[in-house]
């Protein structure tokens, strides 16, 4: 079953996100949206 995760467009205008480098933004988005992430945390 597919899981869909949505990121608000206001995410990109947040001051904290704006302070991240491009690589840090990619890593953060990966951690938020990859298939091992659940409501309870991260499955290793």
Protein backbone atom coordinates (compact mmCIF):
# COMPACT_ATOMS: atom_id res chain seq x y z
CA UNK A 1 0.00 0.00 0.00
CA UNK A 2 1.35 3.41 -0.94
CA UNK A 3 1.95 6.02 1.71
CA UNK A 4 1.78 9.65 0.70
CA UNK A 5 3.44 12.43 2.64
CA UNK A 6 2.80 16.07 1.93
CA UNK A 7 5.13 18.97 2.61
CA UNK A 8 3.56 22.41 2.93
CA UNK A 9 4.95 25.04 0.57
CA UNK A 10 5.50 27.29 3.60
CA UNK A 11 8.19 24.80 4.69
CA UNK A 12 10.63 26.38 2.23
CA UNK A 13 10.13 29.92 3.58
CA UNK A 14 10.85 28.95 7.20
CA UNK A 15 13.89 30.78 8.60
CA UNK A 16 15.45 27.57 9.93
CA UNK A 17 15.09 25.76 6.60
CA UNK A 18 16.40 28.81 4.76
CA UNK A 19 19.57 28.66 6.88
CA UNK A 20 20.36 25.08 5.75
CA UNK A 21 22.70 24.26 2.89
CA UNK A 22 21.32 22.51 -0.18
CA UNK A 23 22.67 19.14 0.95
CA UNK A 24 21.19 19.57 4.43
CA UNK A 25 17.78 20.38 2.90
CA UNK A 26 17.93 17.22 0.78
CA UNK A 27 18.88 15.08 3.78
CA UNK A 28 16.10 16.60 5.91
CA UNK A 29 13.51 15.98 3.15
CA UNK A 30 14.75 12.41 2.76
CA UNK A 31 14.42 11.76 6.50
CA UNK A 32 10.88 13.19 6.47
CA UNK A 33 9.61 11.34 3.42
CA UNK A 34 11.44 8.03 2.93
CA UNK A 35 9.63 4.71 3.26
CA UNK A 36 11.29 3.80 6.59
CA UNK A 37 9.73 6.76 8.39
CA UNK A 38 6.54 6.20 10.36
CA UNK A 39 4.40 8.15 12.82
CA UNK A 40 6.31 6.40 15.64
CA UNK A 41 9.73 7.34 14.37
CA UNK A 42 12.36 5.85 12.13
CA UNK A 43 12.73 2.12 11.43
CA UNK A 44 16.27 0.86 10.92
